Protein backbone atom coordinates (compact mmCIF):
# COMPACT_ATOMS: atom_id res chain seq x y z
CA MET A 1 -0.92 -20.70 -7.14
CA LEU A 2 -1.10 -17.82 -4.74
CA ALA A 3 1.03 -15.70 -6.70
CA ASP A 4 -2.01 -16.05 -9.98
CA ALA A 5 -4.38 -15.93 -7.15
CA SER A 6 -2.94 -13.09 -5.55
CA ARG A 7 -2.94 -11.13 -9.28
CA ILE A 8 -6.36 -12.21 -9.63
CA ASP A 9 -7.49 -10.39 -6.29
CA PRO A 10 -4.54 -8.15 -5.27
CA ALA A 11 -6.98 -7.15 -1.93
CA HIS A 12 -7.59 -10.44 -0.37
CA LEU A 13 -6.04 -11.08 3.18
CA GLY A 14 -6.20 -14.81 2.73
CA VAL A 15 -3.87 -14.77 0.08
CA ARG A 16 -1.18 -12.49 1.80
CA LEU A 17 -1.02 -14.52 4.62
CA ASP A 18 -0.64 -17.86 3.04
CA ALA A 19 1.69 -15.98 0.99
CA ALA A 20 3.25 -14.94 4.42
CA GLU A 21 3.43 -18.44 5.83
CA ILE A 22 5.13 -20.07 3.22
CA MET A 23 7.16 -17.12 3.30
CA LEU A 24 8.23 -18.14 7.03
CA ASP A 25 8.82 -21.53 6.09
CA LEU A 26 11.20 -20.90 3.75
CA ASN A 27 13.10 -18.77 5.83
CA GLU A 28 12.55 -15.62 3.59
CA ALA A 29 11.53 -13.05 6.55
CA GLU A 30 11.99 -9.95 4.84
CA GLU A 31 9.27 -10.85 2.14
CA ALA A 32 6.84 -12.43 5.52
CA ARG A 33 7.34 -9.27 7.01
CA ARG A 34 6.24 -6.86 4.18
CA LEU A 35 3.30 -9.39 3.60
CA ILE A 36 2.54 -9.67 7.31
CA GLY A 37 2.52 -5.52 7.80
CA SER A 38 0.20 -5.07 4.95
CA VAL A 39 -2.66 -6.87 6.80
CA PRO A 40 -4.08 -5.01 9.60
CA ASP A 41 -4.08 -6.92 13.10
CA ASP A 42 -7.25 -7.96 13.73
CA ALA A 43 -8.22 -8.78 9.73
CA ASP A 44 -7.65 -12.56 10.57
CA PRO A 45 -7.27 -14.23 13.81
CA ARG A 46 -3.68 -15.41 11.95
CA VAL A 47 -1.87 -12.30 12.03
CA PRO A 48 -0.81 -12.13 15.46
CA ALA A 49 0.57 -15.52 15.37
CA LEU A 50 2.70 -15.08 11.99
CA LYS A 51 3.88 -11.42 13.74
CA ALA A 52 4.99 -13.57 16.65
CA ARG A 53 6.54 -16.68 14.54
CA LEU A 54 8.18 -13.51 12.63
CA GLN A 55 9.84 -12.22 16.07
CA PHE A 56 11.74 -15.31 16.64
CA MET A 57 12.84 -15.74 13.38
CA GLY A 58 14.96 -12.66 14.09
CA VAL A 59 17.62 -14.44 16.42
CA ALA A 60 18.36 -17.06 13.58
CA GLY A 61 21.98 -17.67 13.12
CA GLU A 62 22.89 -17.76 16.63
CA ASP A 63 24.83 -20.56 17.98
CA GLU A 64 23.14 -22.58 20.34
CA ALA A 65 25.82 -24.80 21.62
CA ALA A 66 27.40 -21.04 22.84
CA LEU A 67 24.58 -19.85 24.22
CA ARG A 68 23.84 -23.61 26.22
CA SER A 69 27.31 -23.30 27.10
CA ARG A 70 27.05 -19.72 28.75
CA VAL A 71 23.72 -20.89 30.54
CA ALA A 72 26.43 -23.72 31.72
CA ALA A 73 28.72 -21.64 32.78
CA ASN A 74 26.50 -19.04 34.73
CA GLU A 75 23.14 -20.18 35.28
CA ASN A 76 22.17 -16.32 36.07
CA ASP A 77 22.94 -15.04 32.32
CA LEU A 78 19.68 -14.15 31.35
CA GLU A 79 20.50 -12.52 28.13
CA ALA A 80 21.90 -15.83 27.17
CA ARG A 81 18.99 -17.62 28.28
CA LEU A 82 16.69 -15.27 26.68
CA ARG A 83 18.86 -16.00 23.02
CA LEU A 84 18.47 -19.70 23.67
CA ALA A 85 14.70 -19.48 24.50
CA ASN A 86 13.97 -17.31 21.07
CA LEU A 87 16.43 -19.94 19.14
CA LEU A 88 14.55 -22.93 20.45
CA VAL A 89 11.25 -21.36 19.70
CA ALA A 90 12.27 -19.99 16.10
CA ALA A 91 13.50 -23.98 15.42
CA GLY A 92 10.04 -25.21 16.83
CA GLN A 93 11.06 -26.81 20.42
CA TYR A 94 8.12 -24.97 21.92
CA GLU A 95 8.34 -26.74 25.01
CA ALA A 96 12.75 -25.97 25.72
CA GLY A 97 12.10 -22.47 24.92
CA MET A 98 9.33 -21.95 26.95
CA ASP A 99 11.55 -23.44 30.05
CA GLN A 100 13.89 -21.30 29.26
CA LEU A 101 11.84 -18.12 29.70
CA LEU A 102 9.85 -19.59 32.80
CA GLU A 103 13.32 -19.70 34.34
CA ILE A 104 14.14 -15.94 33.14
CA VAL A 105 10.49 -14.99 35.32
CA ARG A 106 11.78 -17.35 38.18
CA ARG A 107 15.27 -15.70 38.58
CA ASP A 108 14.46 -11.99 37.94
CA ARG A 109 10.22 -10.97 37.28
CA GLY A 110 12.40 -7.44 36.12
CA PHE A 111 14.91 -8.35 33.85
CA GLU A 112 14.50 -6.38 30.40
CA ASP A 113 11.29 -5.06 31.52
CA ASP A 114 9.70 -8.44 32.42
CA VAL A 115 10.80 -9.81 28.77
CA GLY A 116 10.73 -13.11 29.91
CA ARG A 117 6.84 -13.15 31.01
CA LYS A 118 6.47 -10.62 27.87
CA THR A 119 8.08 -13.32 25.34
CA LEU A 120 6.01 -16.49 26.85
CA LEU A 121 2.93 -14.40 25.71
CA SER A 122 3.75 -14.37 22.01
CA VAL A 123 4.64 -17.89 22.27
CA PHE A 124 1.52 -18.13 23.75
CA ASN A 125 -0.15 -16.22 20.45
CA LEU A 126 2.21 -18.42 18.19
CA LEU A 127 0.79 -21.52 19.43
CA GLY A 128 -2.87 -20.66 20.00
CA GLY A 129 -5.05 -22.90 22.20
CA ASP A 130 -2.44 -25.95 22.17
CA GLU A 131 -2.79 -27.96 25.85
CA LEU A 132 1.20 -27.24 25.99
CA VAL A 133 -0.22 -23.46 26.37
CA SER A 134 -2.17 -24.47 28.87
CA ARG A 135 0.27 -26.25 30.93
CA TYR A 136 2.57 -23.36 30.39
CA ARG A 137 0.41 -20.85 31.54
CA ARG A 138 -0.34 -22.21 34.80
CA LEU A 139 3.52 -23.20 35.23
CA LEU A 140 3.71 -19.06 34.62
CA ALA A 141 1.19 -18.37 37.38
CA SER A 142 2.50 -20.45 39.88
CA ALA A 143 5.96 -18.30 39.04
CA LEU A 144 4.49 -15.34 39.24
CA ASN A 145 3.05 -15.81 42.66
């Protein structure tokens, strides 16, 4: 139906974003990237969330067990924590992913130019106004003090 709608009105942003969302659900990252890239950021409130979701899909294929083992062996392996966090968020395990990101902020705020905090903000964009976001915003504020 979206293909038909796109043929009828190829400029319709909603159709492109709906299609991008479906492509993300199907793990078709390149097609989703193409569709999202054709829509200006301020054209629709869904664009930032879709871009954030696409960002987290970029780590697909990582081995969760191996990353968890690296973190268990060295709690200060922030690169492994970051990769694990991205993998968890991409898999929809938002709370577990945000826990890893908060731990990065707590252990080394300056790690990779404050990537822990910046990635948390991307997760917040992905989730929108969810209660989980409110809770983790408070936890982040506490970690930054």
